[in-house]
Protein backbone atom coordinates (compact mmCIF):
# COMPACT_ATOMS: atom_id res chain seq x y z
CA MET A 1 -54.04 167.73 -93.33
CA TYR A 2 -55.69 168.25 -96.68
CA ASP A 3 -58.63 170.62 -97.16
CA ALA A 4 -60.83 169.12 -99.88
CA GLU A 5 -62.76 172.37 -100.39
CA THR A 6 -59.68 174.47 -101.18
CA SER A 7 -57.56 171.58 -102.52
CA ARG A 8 -54.63 172.51 -100.31
CA THR A 9 -52.80 171.33 -97.23
CA ILE A 10 -53.65 173.12 -93.97
CA ASN A 11 -52.10 173.23 -90.50
CA LEU A 12 -53.62 173.47 -87.02
CA ASP A 13 -53.44 177.30 -87.01
CA GLN A 14 -55.51 177.32 -90.20
CA VAL A 15 -57.97 174.85 -88.63
CA ALA A 16 -58.34 177.32 -85.74
CA SER A 17 -58.99 180.16 -88.21
CA ILE A 18 -61.67 178.12 -89.96
CA ILE A 19 -63.40 177.37 -86.64
CA ARG A 20 -63.16 181.01 -85.51
CA SER A 21 -64.80 182.12 -88.75
CA GLY A 22 -67.85 180.09 -87.73
CA GLU A 23 -67.40 177.20 -90.13
CA ASP A 24 -67.82 173.61 -89.06
CA ILE A 25 -65.26 170.98 -89.98
CA THR A 26 -65.12 167.23 -90.25
CA VAL A 27 -61.76 165.49 -90.47
CA ILE A 28 -61.58 162.04 -92.02
CA ASP A 29 -58.32 160.08 -92.12
CA GLN A 30 -57.11 158.04 -95.10
CA ASN A 31 -58.94 154.96 -93.71
CA GLY A 32 -62.28 156.80 -93.61
CA LYS A 33 -62.29 157.18 -89.81
CA ASP A 34 -63.68 160.42 -88.35
CA ILE A 35 -60.84 162.02 -86.35
CA THR A 36 -62.47 165.44 -85.91
CA SER A 37 -62.31 165.35 -82.08
CA HIS A 38 -58.63 164.44 -82.18
CA VAL A 39 -57.76 167.29 -84.55
CA LEU A 40 -59.86 169.80 -82.59
CA SER A 41 -58.13 168.72 -79.36
CA GLN A 42 -54.70 169.07 -80.96
CA THR A 43 -55.66 172.48 -82.34
CA PHE A 44 -56.86 173.71 -78.96
CA LEU A 45 -53.77 172.42 -77.16
CA LYS A 46 -51.40 173.90 -79.76
CA LEU A 47 -53.03 177.31 -79.36
CA GLN A 48 -52.71 177.08 -75.57
CA ASP A 49 -49.18 175.64 -75.66
CA SER A 50 -47.56 178.92 -74.69
CA THR A 51 -49.78 179.54 -71.67
CA LYS A 52 -48.48 178.95 -68.18
CA GLU A 53 -51.88 179.57 -66.58
CA PRO A 54 -52.49 177.31 -63.57
CA LEU A 55 -56.22 177.55 -64.20
CA PHE A 56 -55.77 176.15 -67.72
CA ASN A 57 -53.86 173.17 -66.33
CA PHE A 58 -56.53 172.71 -63.64
CA ILE A 59 -59.28 172.58 -66.28
CA LEU A 60 -57.31 170.13 -68.45
CA LYS A 61 -56.74 167.86 -65.44
CA ALA A 62 -60.45 168.04 -64.58
CA LEU A 63 -61.33 167.11 -68.16
CA ILE A 64 -58.97 164.13 -68.04
CA ARG A 65 -60.33 163.02 -64.65
CA GLU A 66 -63.90 163.20 -65.95
CA SER A 67 -63.12 161.53 -69.28
CA ASN A 68 -64.08 158.11 -67.90
CA GLN A 69 -67.07 159.48 -66.08
CA ASP A 70 -69.93 161.82 -66.87
CA PHE A 71 -68.31 164.56 -68.97
CA ILE A 72 -71.56 166.52 -69.30
CA SER A 73 -71.73 166.66 -65.50
CA LEU A 74 -68.35 168.42 -65.43
CA VAL A 75 -69.46 170.92 -68.07
CA LYS A 76 -72.64 171.64 -66.09
CA LYS A 77 -70.59 172.12 -62.91
CA LEU A 78 -68.29 174.58 -64.66
CA ILE A 79 -71.19 176.54 -66.18
CA PHE A 80 -73.22 176.57 -62.97
CA ALA A 81 -70.10 177.51 -61.03
CA GLY A 82 -69.63 180.47 -63.37
CA ILE A 83 -73.19 181.57 -62.70
CA GLY A 84 -72.89 180.83 -58.99
CA ILE A 85 -69.70 182.83 -58.57
CA THR A 86 -71.59 186.02 -59.38
CA TYR A 87 -73.57 185.56 -56.16
CA LEU A 88 -70.51 185.33 -53.88
CA THR A 89 -68.83 188.08 -51.93
CA GLY A 90 -65.40 189.28 -53.04
CA GLU A 91 -63.82 187.44 -50.12
CA GLU A 92 -65.51 184.16 -51.06
CA ARG A 93 -64.42 184.55 -54.70
CA SER A 94 -60.82 185.26 -53.65
CA LYS A 95 -60.75 182.17 -51.43
CA ILE A 96 -62.04 179.97 -54.23
CA ILE A 97 -59.60 181.41 -56.76
CA ASN A 98 -56.74 180.82 -54.37
CA LEU A 99 -57.92 177.24 -53.82
CA ILE A 100 -58.02 176.66 -57.56
CA LEU A 101 -54.60 178.20 -58.15
CA ASN A 102 -53.12 176.02 -55.41
CA ASN A 103 -54.98 173.01 -56.71
CA GLU A 104 -52.29 170.41 -56.12
CA ARG A 105 -52.39 170.93 -52.36
CA ASN A 106 -56.07 171.65 -51.99
CA LEU A 107 -57.76 169.50 -54.63
CA ASN A 108 -60.48 168.28 -52.27
CA GLU A 109 -61.26 171.80 -51.08
CA SER A 110 -61.31 173.04 -54.68
CA GLY A 111 -63.69 170.27 -55.66
CA ALA A 112 -65.97 171.09 -52.74
CA ALA A 113 -65.84 174.80 -53.61
CA LEU A 114 -66.65 174.04 -57.25
CA GLU A 115 -69.51 171.79 -56.15
CA LYS A 116 -70.86 174.60 -53.92
CA LEU A 117 -70.66 177.06 -56.81
CA SER A 118 -72.29 174.52 -59.07
CA VAL A 119 -75.21 174.07 -56.68
CA THR A 120 -75.57 177.85 -56.26
CA GLY A 121 -75.38 178.40 -60.01
CA GLN A 122 -77.85 175.62 -60.70
CA SER A 123 -80.22 177.13 -58.15
CA GLU A 124 -79.99 180.51 -59.88
CA VAL A 125 -80.49 178.90 -63.30
CA GLU A 126 -83.57 177.10 -61.96
CA LYS A 127 -84.97 180.41 -60.63
CA ILE A 128 -84.37 182.06 -64.00
CA TRP A 129 -85.95 179.05 -65.75
CA ASP A 130 -89.02 179.23 -63.50
CA VAL A 131 -89.47 182.93 -64.28
CA PHE A 132 -89.02 182.20 -67.99
CA VAL A 133 -91.61 179.39 -67.91
CA LYS A 134 -94.08 181.60 -66.00
CA LYS A 135 -93.64 184.45 -68.50
CA LEU A 136 -94.00 181.97 -71.36
CA ASP A 137 -97.20 180.59 -69.79
CA ASP A 138 -98.53 184.14 -69.32
CA PHE A 139 -97.69 185.02 -72.90
CA SER A 140 -99.26 181.79 -74.14
CA GLY A 141 -102.43 182.61 -72.18
CA GLN A 142 -102.53 186.10 -73.70
CA VAL A 143 -102.06 184.68 -77.19
CA ASN A 144 -104.81 182.11 -76.60
CA THR A 145 -107.15 184.85 -75.31
CA THR A 146 -106.40 187.03 -78.35
CA ILE A 147 -106.92 184.12 -80.73
CA GLN A 148 -110.21 183.16 -79.07
CA SER A 149 -111.38 186.77 -79.17
CA THR A 150 -110.49 186.98 -82.86
CA ILE A 151 -112.32 183.71 -83.57
CA ASP A 152 -115.36 184.97 -81.66
CA THR A 153 -115.31 188.22 -83.63
CA LEU A 154 -115.03 186.34 -86.93
CA GLU A 155 -117.88 184.02 -85.96
CA LYS A 156 -120.04 187.04 -85.08
CA GLN A 157 -119.17 188.70 -88.37
CA GLU A 158 -120.08 185.52 -90.23
CA HIS A 159 -123.35 185.29 -88.28
CA PHE A 160 -124.17 188.95 -89.07
CA SER A 161 -123.34 188.33 -92.75
CA ARG A 162 -125.84 185.45 -92.81
CA ILE A 163 -128.47 187.64 -91.11
CA GLU A 164 -127.78 190.45 -93.59
CA LYS A 165 -128.17 187.99 -96.49
CA LYS A 166 -131.48 186.75 -95.04
CA ILE A 167 -132.72 190.34 -94.61
CA LYS A 168 -131.85 191.11 -98.24
CA GLU A 169 -133.66 187.95 -99.35
CA LEU A 170 -136.65 188.93 -97.22
CA ALA A 171 -136.59 192.49 -98.60
CA SER A 172 -136.46 191.10 -102.13
CA THR A 173 -139.42 188.83 -101.38
CA VAL A 174 -141.41 191.72 -99.84
CA GLU A 175 -140.62 193.87 -102.88
CA LYS A 176 -141.87 191.12 -105.21
CA ILE A 177 -145.09 190.80 -103.16
CA ASN A 178 -145.69 194.54 -103.29
CA LYS A 179 -145.45 194.59 -107.07
């Protein structure tokens, strides 16, 4: 691959370094086609090539299975499962981990366990969201009250300024009459 910014050829390890540094990349082939996803996938797989982790293979298989379906649904399940797992006992976590590690024999049980974690995690996320929304509503109410109070104070000050101006005008008129 050719990096147009540095005018040099780069490899997948260098792509990984660029991504890790927080930069975004776009990869365009010689025909003008965007192949960024393909290069990112290759980069990720090359970096994981040496791993023999069963969990990594399980996740890759799940990604492939979901590729023709709702991919976002899988991502939500994985995230919610991560949140949900924090609410399980040690025994429940061990059982689920064992199911995942033995995924070839127990794929249906693993899927059901992941679904359960997903539901639990989603429930916890919804509780957190509800608390967040309530606190945001409370804060919004406080801000509105403060703004209204400030407006009221400014209106009163403006009213008093007009009264003060009228009093000065009246005092000036009285002074002229007395002369």
